[in-house]
Amino acid sequence: THPAGASTTATAVAYQGSTTHEGGSDDSVRAPLQ
């Protein structure tokens, strides 16, 4: 799933996304998702 109209290119390299396992995202991810 991704924000409507957003690029679908991303990087998640490990469990919980990053090597430090932050597991989060920033404010650019907002509803509605498609």
PDB file of all heavy atoms in Angstrom:
ATOM      1  N   THR A   1       0.846  -1.180   0.000  1.00  0.00           N
ATOM      2  CA  THR A   1       0.000   0.000   0.000  1.00  0.00           C
ATOM      3  C   THR A   1       0.885   1.235   0.000  1.00  0.00           C
ATOM      4  O   THR A   1       2.015   1.211   0.472  1.00  0.00           O
ATOM      5  CB  THR A   1      -0.923   0.053   1.238  1.00  0.00           C
ATOM      6  OG1 THR A   1      -0.110   0.091   2.422  1.00  0.00           O
ATOM      7  CG2 THR A   1      -1.830  -1.163   1.285  1.00  0.00           C
ATOM      8  N   HIS A   2       0.360   2.340  -0.539  1.00  0.00           N
ATOM      9  CA  HIS A   2       1.132   3.577  -0.583  1.00  0.00           C
ATOM     10  C   HIS A   2       0.171   4.748  -0.720  1.00  0.00           C
ATOM     11  O   HIS A   2      -0.986   4.584  -1.108  1.00  0.00           O
ATOM     12  CB  HIS A   2       2.130   3.557  -1.746  1.00  0.00           C
ATOM     13  CG  HIS A   2       1.521   3.275  -3.075  1.00  0.00           C
ATOM     14  ND1 HIS A   2       0.916   4.232  -3.836  1.00  0.00           N
ATOM     15  CD2 HIS A   2       1.418   2.104  -3.764  1.00  0.00           C
ATOM     16  CE1 HIS A   2       0.465   3.690  -4.958  1.00  0.00           C
ATOM     17  NE2 HIS A   2       0.753   2.410  -4.939  1.00  0.00           N
ATOM     18  N   PRO A   3       0.611   5.968  -0.375  1.00  0.00           N
ATOM     19  CA  PRO A   3      -0.257   7.135  -0.542  1.00  0.00           C
ATOM     20  C   PRO A   3      -0.682   7.293  -1.990  1.00  0.00           C
ATOM     21  O   PRO A   3       0.099   7.054  -2.909  1.00  0.00           O
ATOM     22  CB  PRO A   3       0.626   8.296  -0.085  1.00  0.00           C
ATOM     23  CG  PRO A   3       1.655   7.673   0.805  1.00  0.00           C
ATOM     24  CD  PRO A   3       1.909   6.309   0.208  1.00  0.00           C
ATOM     25  N   ALA A   4      -1.917   7.693  -2.188  1.00  0.00           N
ATOM     26  CA  ALA A   4      -2.430   7.865  -3.539  1.00  0.00           C
ATOM     27  C   ALA A   4      -1.566   8.845  -4.315  1.00  0.00           C
ATOM     28  O   ALA A   4      -1.263   9.931  -3.851  1.00  0.00           O
ATOM     29  CB  ALA A   4      -3.876   8.367  -3.488  1.00  0.00           C
ATOM     30  N   GLY A   5      -1.121   8.431  -5.506  1.00  0.00           N
ATOM     31  CA  GLY A   5      -0.316   9.268  -6.367  1.00  0.00           C
ATOM     32  C   GLY A   5       1.157   9.313  -6.033  1.00  0.00           C
ATOM     33  O   GLY A   5       1.929   9.982  -6.707  1.00  0.00           O
ATOM     34  N   ALA A   6       1.596   8.572  -5.000  1.00  0.00           N
ATOM     35  CA  ALA A   6       2.991   8.624  -4.574  1.00  0.00           C
ATOM     36  C   ALA A   6       3.833   7.637  -5.350  1.00  0.00           C
ATOM     37  O   ALA A   6       3.344   6.659  -5.903  1.00  0.00           O
ATOM     38  CB  ALA A   6       3.109   8.323  -3.080  1.00  0.00           C
ATOM     39  N   SER A   7       5.139   7.897  -5.379  1.00  0.00           N
ATOM     40  CA  SER A   7       6.081   6.948  -5.949  1.00  0.00           C
ATOM     41  C   SER A   7       6.096   5.680  -5.114  1.00  0.00           C
ATOM     42  O   SER A   7       5.911   5.713  -3.900  1.00  0.00           O
ATOM     43  CB  SER A   7       7.482   7.548  -5.970  1.00  0.00           C
ATOM     44  OG  SER A   7       8.456   6.552  -6.248  1.00  0.00           O
ATOM     45  N   THR A   8       6.326   4.529  -5.747  1.00  0.00           N
ATOM     46  CA  THR A   8       6.373   3.273  -5.006  1.00  0.00           C
ATOM     47  C   THR A   8       7.804   2.779  -4.823  1.00  0.00           C
ATOM     48  O   THR A   8       8.027   1.629  -4.503  1.00  0.00           O
ATOM     49  CB  THR A   8       5.553   2.185  -5.736  1.00  0.00           C
ATOM     50  OG1 THR A   8       6.089   1.986  -7.039  1.00  0.00           O
ATOM     51  CG2 THR A   8       4.096   2.588  -5.821  1.00  0.00           C
ATOM     52  N   THR A   9       8.804   3.634  -5.034  1.00  0.00           N
ATOM     53  CA  THR A   9      10.186   3.232  -4.840  1.00  0.00           C
ATOM     54  C   THR A   9      10.593   3.491  -3.398  1.00  0.00           C
ATOM     55  O   THR A   9      10.439   4.592  -2.885  1.00  0.00           O
ATOM     56  CB  THR A   9      11.116   3.999  -5.785  1.00  0.00           C
ATOM     57  OG1 THR A   9      10.738   3.711  -7.124  1.00  0.00           O
ATOM     58  CG2 THR A   9      12.570   3.582  -5.574  1.00  0.00           C
ATOM     59  N   ALA A  10      11.123   2.462  -2.723  1.00  0.00           N
ATOM     60  CA  ALA A  10      11.482   2.614  -1.316  1.00  0.00           C
ATOM     61  C   ALA A  10      12.608   1.666  -0.970  1.00  0.00           C
ATOM     62  O   ALA A  10      12.974   0.786  -1.749  1.00  0.00           O
ATOM     63  CB  ALA A  10      10.270   2.346  -0.431  1.00  0.00           C
ATOM     64  N   THR A  11      13.155   1.858   0.212  1.00  0.00           N
ATOM     65  CA  THR A  11      14.190   0.970   0.710  1.00  0.00           C
ATOM     66  C   THR A  11      13.865   0.576   2.141  1.00  0.00           C
ATOM     67  O   THR A  11      13.658   1.432   2.996  1.00  0.00           O
ATOM     68  CB  THR A  11      15.569   1.654   0.671  1.00  0.00           C
ATOM     69  OG1 THR A  11      15.866   2.023  -0.667  1.00  0.00           O
ATOM     70  CG2 THR A  11      16.654   0.707   1.182  1.00  0.00           C
ATOM     71  N   ALA A  12      13.780  -0.701   2.390  1.00  0.00           N
ATOM     72  CA  ALA A  12      13.629  -1.247   3.742  1.00  0.00           C
ATOM     73  C   ALA A  12      14.587  -2.420   3.814  1.00  0.00           C
ATOM     74  O   ALA A  12      14.366  -3.442   3.167  1.00  0.00           O
ATOM     75  CB  ALA A  12      12.193  -1.687   4.006  1.00  0.00           C
ATOM     76  N   VAL A  13      15.678  -2.276   4.551  1.00  0.00           N
ATOM     77  CA  VAL A  13      16.795  -3.203   4.408  1.00  0.00           C
ATOM     78  C   VAL A  13      16.843  -4.308   5.450  1.00  0.00           C
ATOM     79  O   VAL A  13      17.673  -5.213   5.355  1.00  0.00           O
ATOM     80  CB  VAL A  13      18.133  -2.439   4.430  1.00  0.00           C
ATOM     81  CG1 VAL A  13      18.226  -1.475   3.251  1.00  0.00           C
ATOM     82  CG2 VAL A  13      18.325  -1.693   5.753  1.00  0.00           C
ATOM     83  N   ALA A  14      15.970  -4.239   6.460  1.00  0.00           N
ATOM     84  CA  ALA A  14      16.063  -5.207   7.556  1.00  0.00           C
ATOM     85  C   ALA A  14      14.725  -5.285   8.284  1.00  0.00           C
ATOM     86  O   ALA A  14      13.759  -4.582   7.943  1.00  0.00           O
ATOM     87  CB  ALA A  14      17.168  -4.790   8.535  1.00  0.00           C
ATOM     88  N   TYR A  15      14.666  -6.128   9.284  1.00  0.00           N
ATOM     89  CA  TYR A  15      13.508  -6.193  10.174  1.00  0.00           C
ATOM     90  C   TYR A  15      13.200  -4.794  10.720  1.00  0.00           C
ATOM     91  O   TYR A  15      14.107  -4.071  11.119  1.00  0.00           O
ATOM     92  CB  TYR A  15      13.834  -7.154  11.318  1.00  0.00           C
ATOM     93  CG  TYR A  15      12.773  -7.282  12.371  1.00  0.00           C
ATOM     94  CD1 TYR A  15      11.577  -7.932  12.110  1.00  0.00           C
ATOM     95  CD2 TYR A  15      12.981  -6.766  13.647  1.00  0.00           C
ATOM     96  CE1 TYR A  15      10.601  -8.063  13.082  1.00  0.00           C
ATOM     97  CE2 TYR A  15      12.028  -6.895  14.629  1.00  0.00           C
ATOM     98  CZ  TYR A  15      10.832  -7.537  14.341  1.00  0.00           C
ATOM     99  OH  TYR A  15       9.882  -7.665  15.318  1.00  0.00           O
ATOM    100  N   GLN A  16      11.929  -4.393  10.694  1.00  0.00           N
ATOM    101  CA  GLN A  16      11.508  -3.058  11.115  1.00  0.00           C
ATOM    102  C   GLN A  16      12.128  -1.947  10.264  1.00  0.00           C
ATOM    103  O   GLN A  16      12.286  -0.816  10.723  1.00  0.00           O
ATOM    104  CB  GLN A  16      11.807  -2.828  12.595  1.00  0.00           C
ATOM    105  CG  GLN A  16      10.924  -3.611  13.548  1.00  0.00           C
ATOM    106  CD  GLN A  16       9.480  -3.103  13.575  1.00  0.00           C
ATOM    107  OE1 GLN A  16       9.231  -1.917  13.692  1.00  0.00           O
ATOM    108  NE2 GLN A  16       8.542  -4.015  13.453  1.00  0.00           N
ATOM    109  N   GLY A  17      12.515  -2.270   9.042  1.00  0.00           N
ATOM    110  CA  GLY A  17      12.848  -1.250   8.062  1.00  0.00           C
ATOM    111  C   GLY A  17      14.305  -0.904   7.922  1.00  0.00           C
ATOM    112  O   GLY A  17      14.859  -0.959   6.836  1.00  0.00           O
ATOM    113  N   SER A  18      14.956  -0.526   9.026  1.00  0.00           N
ATOM    114  CA  SER A  18      16.329  -0.049   8.948  1.00  0.00           C
ATOM    115  C   SER A  18      17.243  -0.900   9.826  1.00  0.00           C
ATOM    116  O   SER A  18      16.792  -1.757  10.584  1.00  0.00           O
ATOM    117  CB  SER A  18      16.409   1.414   9.408  1.00  0.00           C
ATOM    118  OG  SER A  18      16.203   1.501  10.810  1.00  0.00           O
ATOM    119  N   THR A  19      18.538  -0.636   9.751  1.00  0.00           N
ATOM    120  CA  THR A  19      19.490  -1.393  10.570  1.00  0.00           C
ATOM    121  C   THR A  19      19.354  -1.081  12.057  1.00  0.00           C
ATOM    122  O   THR A  19      19.813  -1.850  12.893  1.00  0.00           O
ATOM    123  CB  THR A  19      20.938  -1.104  10.137  1.00  0.00           C
ATOM    124  OG1 THR A  19      21.209   0.297  10.285  1.00  0.00           O
ATOM    125  CG2 THR A  19      21.159  -1.533   8.695  1.00  0.00           C
ATOM    126  N   THR A  20      18.719   0.037  12.391  1.00  0.00           N
ATOM    127  CA  THR A  20      18.456   0.359  13.790  1.00  0.00           C
ATOM    128  C   THR A  20      17.035  -0.001  14.202  1.00  0.00           C
ATOM    129  O   THR A  20      16.628   0.241  15.335  1.00  0.00           O
ATOM    130  CB  THR A  20      18.700   1.853  14.072  1.00  0.00           C
ATOM    131  OG1 THR A  20      17.936   2.637  13.154  1.00  0.00           O
ATOM    132  CG2 THR A  20      20.172   2.193  13.921  1.00  0.00           C
ATOM    133  N   HIS A  21      16.259  -0.566  13.281  1.00  0.00           N
ATOM    134  CA  HIS A  21      14.905  -1.081  13.564  1.00  0.00           C
ATOM    135  C   HIS A  21      13.967   0.002  14.084  1.00  0.00           C
ATOM    136  O   HIS A  21      13.226  -0.209  15.044  1.00  0.00           O
ATOM    137  CB  HIS A  21      14.968  -2.257  14.537  1.00  0.00           C
ATOM    138  CG  HIS A  21      15.936  -3.322  14.143  1.00  0.00           C
ATOM    139  ND1 HIS A  21      16.144  -3.697  12.831  1.00  0.00           N
ATOM    140  CD2 HIS A  21      16.777  -4.095  14.881  1.00  0.00           C
ATOM    141  CE1 HIS A  21      17.065  -4.649  12.779  1.00  0.00           C
ATOM    142  NE2 HIS A  21      17.468  -4.903  14.009  1.00  0.00           N
ATOM    143  N   GLU A  22      13.999   1.162  13.441  1.00  0.00           N
ATOM    144  CA  GLU A  22      13.128   2.260  13.860  1.00  0.00           C
ATOM    145  C   GLU A  22      11.652   1.941  13.660  1.00  0.00           C
ATOM    146  O   GLU A  22      10.802   2.343  14.450  1.00  0.00           O
ATOM    147  CB  GLU A  22      13.487   3.521  13.095  1.00  0.00           C
ATOM    148  CG  GLU A  22      14.892   4.033  13.362  1.00  0.00           C
ATOM    149  CD  GLU A  22      15.274   5.104  12.367  1.00  0.00           C
ATOM    150  OE1 GLU A  22      14.711   6.211  12.446  1.00  0.00           O
ATOM    151  OE2 GLU A  22      16.121   4.828  11.504  1.00  0.00           O
ATOM    152  N   GLY A  23      11.355   1.262  12.557  1.00  0.00           N
ATOM    153  CA  GLY A  23       9.978   0.829  12.327  1.00  0.00           C
ATOM    154  C   GLY A  23       8.990   1.958  12.103  1.00  0.00           C
ATOM    155  O   GLY A  23       7.792   1.778  12.277  1.00  0.00           O
ATOM    156  N   GLY A  24       9.452   3.139  11.718  1.00  0.00           N
ATOM    157  CA  GLY A  24       8.551   4.269  11.572  1.00  0.00           C
ATOM    158  C   GLY A  24       8.605   4.882  10.196  1.00  0.00           C
ATOM    159  O   GLY A  24       9.297   4.413   9.301  1.00  0.00           O
ATOM    160  N   SER A  25       7.863   5.948  10.031  1.00  0.00           N
ATOM    161  CA  SER A  25       7.850   6.692   8.780  1.00  0.00           C
ATOM    162  C   SER A  25       7.702   8.164   9.119  1.00  0.00           C
ATOM    163  O   SER A  25       7.452   8.540  10.263  1.00  0.00           O
ATOM    164  CB  SER A  25       6.703   6.224   7.878  1.00  0.00           C
ATOM    165  OG  SER A  25       5.459   6.431   8.524  1.00  0.00           O
ATOM    166  N   ASP A  26       7.847   9.032   8.121  1.00  0.00           N
ATOM    167  CA  ASP A  26       7.726  10.456   8.390  1.00  0.00           C
ATOM    168  C   ASP A  26       6.365  10.981   7.947  1.00  0.00           C
ATOM    169  O   ASP A  26       5.492  10.228   7.547  1.00  0.00           O
ATOM    170  CB  ASP A  26       8.880  11.227   7.757  1.00  0.00           C
ATOM    171  CG  ASP A  26       8.884  11.131   6.239  1.00  0.00           C
ATOM    172  OD1 ASP A  26       7.807  10.922   5.657  1.00  0.00           O
ATOM    173  OD2 ASP A  26       9.972  11.273   5.648  1.00  0.00           O
ATOM    174  N   ASP A  27       6.201  12.311   8.031  1.00  0.00           N
ATOM    175  CA  ASP A  27       4.888  12.904   7.802  1.00  0.00           C
ATOM    176  C   ASP A  27       4.437  12.856   6.350  1.00  0.00           C
ATOM    177  O   ASP A  27       3.310  13.256   6.047  1.00  0.00           O
ATOM    178  CB  ASP A  27       4.883  14.359   8.285  1.00  0.00           C
ATOM    179  CG  ASP A  27       4.941  14.460   9.797  1.00  0.00           C
ATOM    180  OD1 ASP A  27       4.626  13.454  10.453  1.00  0.00           O
ATOM    181  OD2 ASP A  27       5.317  15.534  10.308  1.00  0.00           O
ATOM    182  N   SER A  28       5.302  12.407   5.435  1.00  0.00           N
ATOM    183  CA  SER A  28       4.875  12.338   4.037  1.00  0.00           C
ATOM    184  C   SER A  28       3.920  11.174   3.785  1.00  0.00           C
ATOM    185  O   SER A  28       3.295  11.101   2.742  1.00  0.00           O
ATOM    186  CB  SER A  28       6.102  12.215   3.114  1.00  0.00           C
ATOM    187  OG  SER A  28       6.737  10.961   3.283  1.00  0.00           O
ATOM    188  N   VAL A  29       3.807  10.254   4.731  1.00  0.00           N
ATOM    189  CA  VAL A  29       2.880   9.130   4.585  1.00  0.00           C
ATOM    190  C   VAL A  29       1.568   9.488   5.266  1.00  0.00           C
ATOM    191  O   VAL A  29       1.498   9.574   6.486  1.00  0.00           O
ATOM    192  CB  VAL A  29       3.461   7.843   5.194  1.00  0.00           C
ATOM    193  CG1 VAL A  29       2.460   6.700   5.067  1.00  0.00           C
ATOM    194  CG2 VAL A  29       4.754   7.479   4.492  1.00  0.00           C
ATOM    195  N   ARG A  30       0.559   9.731   4.469  1.00  0.00           N
ATOM    196  CA  ARG A  30      -0.731  10.149   4.994  1.00  0.00           C
ATOM    197  C   ARG A  30      -1.849   9.451   4.239  1.00  0.00           C
ATOM    198  O   ARG A  30      -1.702   9.090   3.081  1.00  0.00           O
ATOM    199  CB  ARG A  30      -0.901  11.666   4.873  1.00  0.00           C
ATOM    200  CG  ARG A  30       0.107  12.483   5.694  1.00  0.00           C
ATOM    201  CD  ARG A  30      -0.116  13.967   5.524  1.00  0.00           C
ATOM    202  NE  ARG A  30       0.837  14.742   6.293  1.00  0.00           N
ATOM    203  CZ  ARG A  30       0.881  16.072   6.303  1.00  0.00           C
ATOM    204  NH1 ARG A  30       0.024  16.761   5.577  1.00  0.00           N
ATOM    205  NH2 ARG A  30       1.789  16.699   7.032  1.00  0.00           N
ATOM    206  N   ALA A  31      -2.980   9.298   4.897  1.00  0.00           N
ATOM    207  CA  ALA A  31      -4.172   8.787   4.233  1.00  0.00           C
ATOM    208  C   ALA A  31      -4.644   9.813   3.195  1.00  0.00           C
ATOM    209  O   ALA A  31      -4.374  11.007   3.326  1.00  0.00           O
ATOM    210  CB  ALA A  31      -5.251   8.518   5.262  1.00  0.00           C
ATOM    211  N   PRO A  32      -5.346   9.375   2.155  1.00  0.00           N
ATOM    212  CA  PRO A  32      -5.759   7.993   1.935  1.00  0.00           C
ATOM    213  C   PRO A  32      -4.654   7.151   1.293  1.00  0.00           C
ATOM    214  O   PRO A  32      -3.860   7.661   0.511  1.00  0.00           O
ATOM    215  CB  PRO A  32      -6.940   8.141   0.975  1.00  0.00           C
ATOM    216  CG  PRO A  32      -6.598   9.377   0.176  1.00  0.00           C
ATOM    217  CD  PRO A  32      -5.906  10.300   1.137  1.00  0.00           C
ATOM    218  N   LEU A  33      -4.612   5.882   1.658  1.00  0.00           N
ATOM    219  CA  LEU A  33      -3.712   4.934   1.022  1.00  0.00           C
ATOM    220  C   LEU A  33      -4.479   4.135  -0.016  1.00  0.00           C
ATOM    221  O   LEU A  33      -5.692   3.969   0.071  1.00  0.00           O
ATOM    222  CB  LEU A  33      -3.115   3.988   2.065  1.00  0.00           C
ATOM    223  CG  LEU A  33      -2.324   4.635   3.205  1.00  0.00           C
ATOM    224  CD1 LEU A  33      -1.828   3.559   4.160  1.00  0.00           C
ATOM    225  CD2 LEU A  33      -1.166   5.452   2.671  1.00  0.00           C
ATOM    226  N   GLN A  34      -3.744   3.630  -0.998  1.00  0.00           N
ATOM    227  CA  GLN A  34      -4.381   2.786  -1.997  1.00  0.00           C
ATOM    228  C   GLN A  34      -3.607   1.477  -2.114  1.00  0.00           C
ATOM    229  O   GLN A  34      -2.389   1.453  -1.952  1.00  0.00           O
ATOM    230  CB  GLN A  34      -4.437   3.484  -3.355  1.00  0.00           C
ATOM    231  CG  GLN A  34      -3.075   3.777  -3.975  1.00  0.00           C
ATOM    232  CD  GLN A  34      -3.190   4.532  -5.282  1.00  0.00           C
ATOM    233  OE1 GLN A  34      -4.224   5.137  -5.559  1.00  0.00           O
ATOM    234  NE2 GLN A  34      -2.137   4.515  -6.067  1.00  0.00           N
TER     235      GLN A  34
END
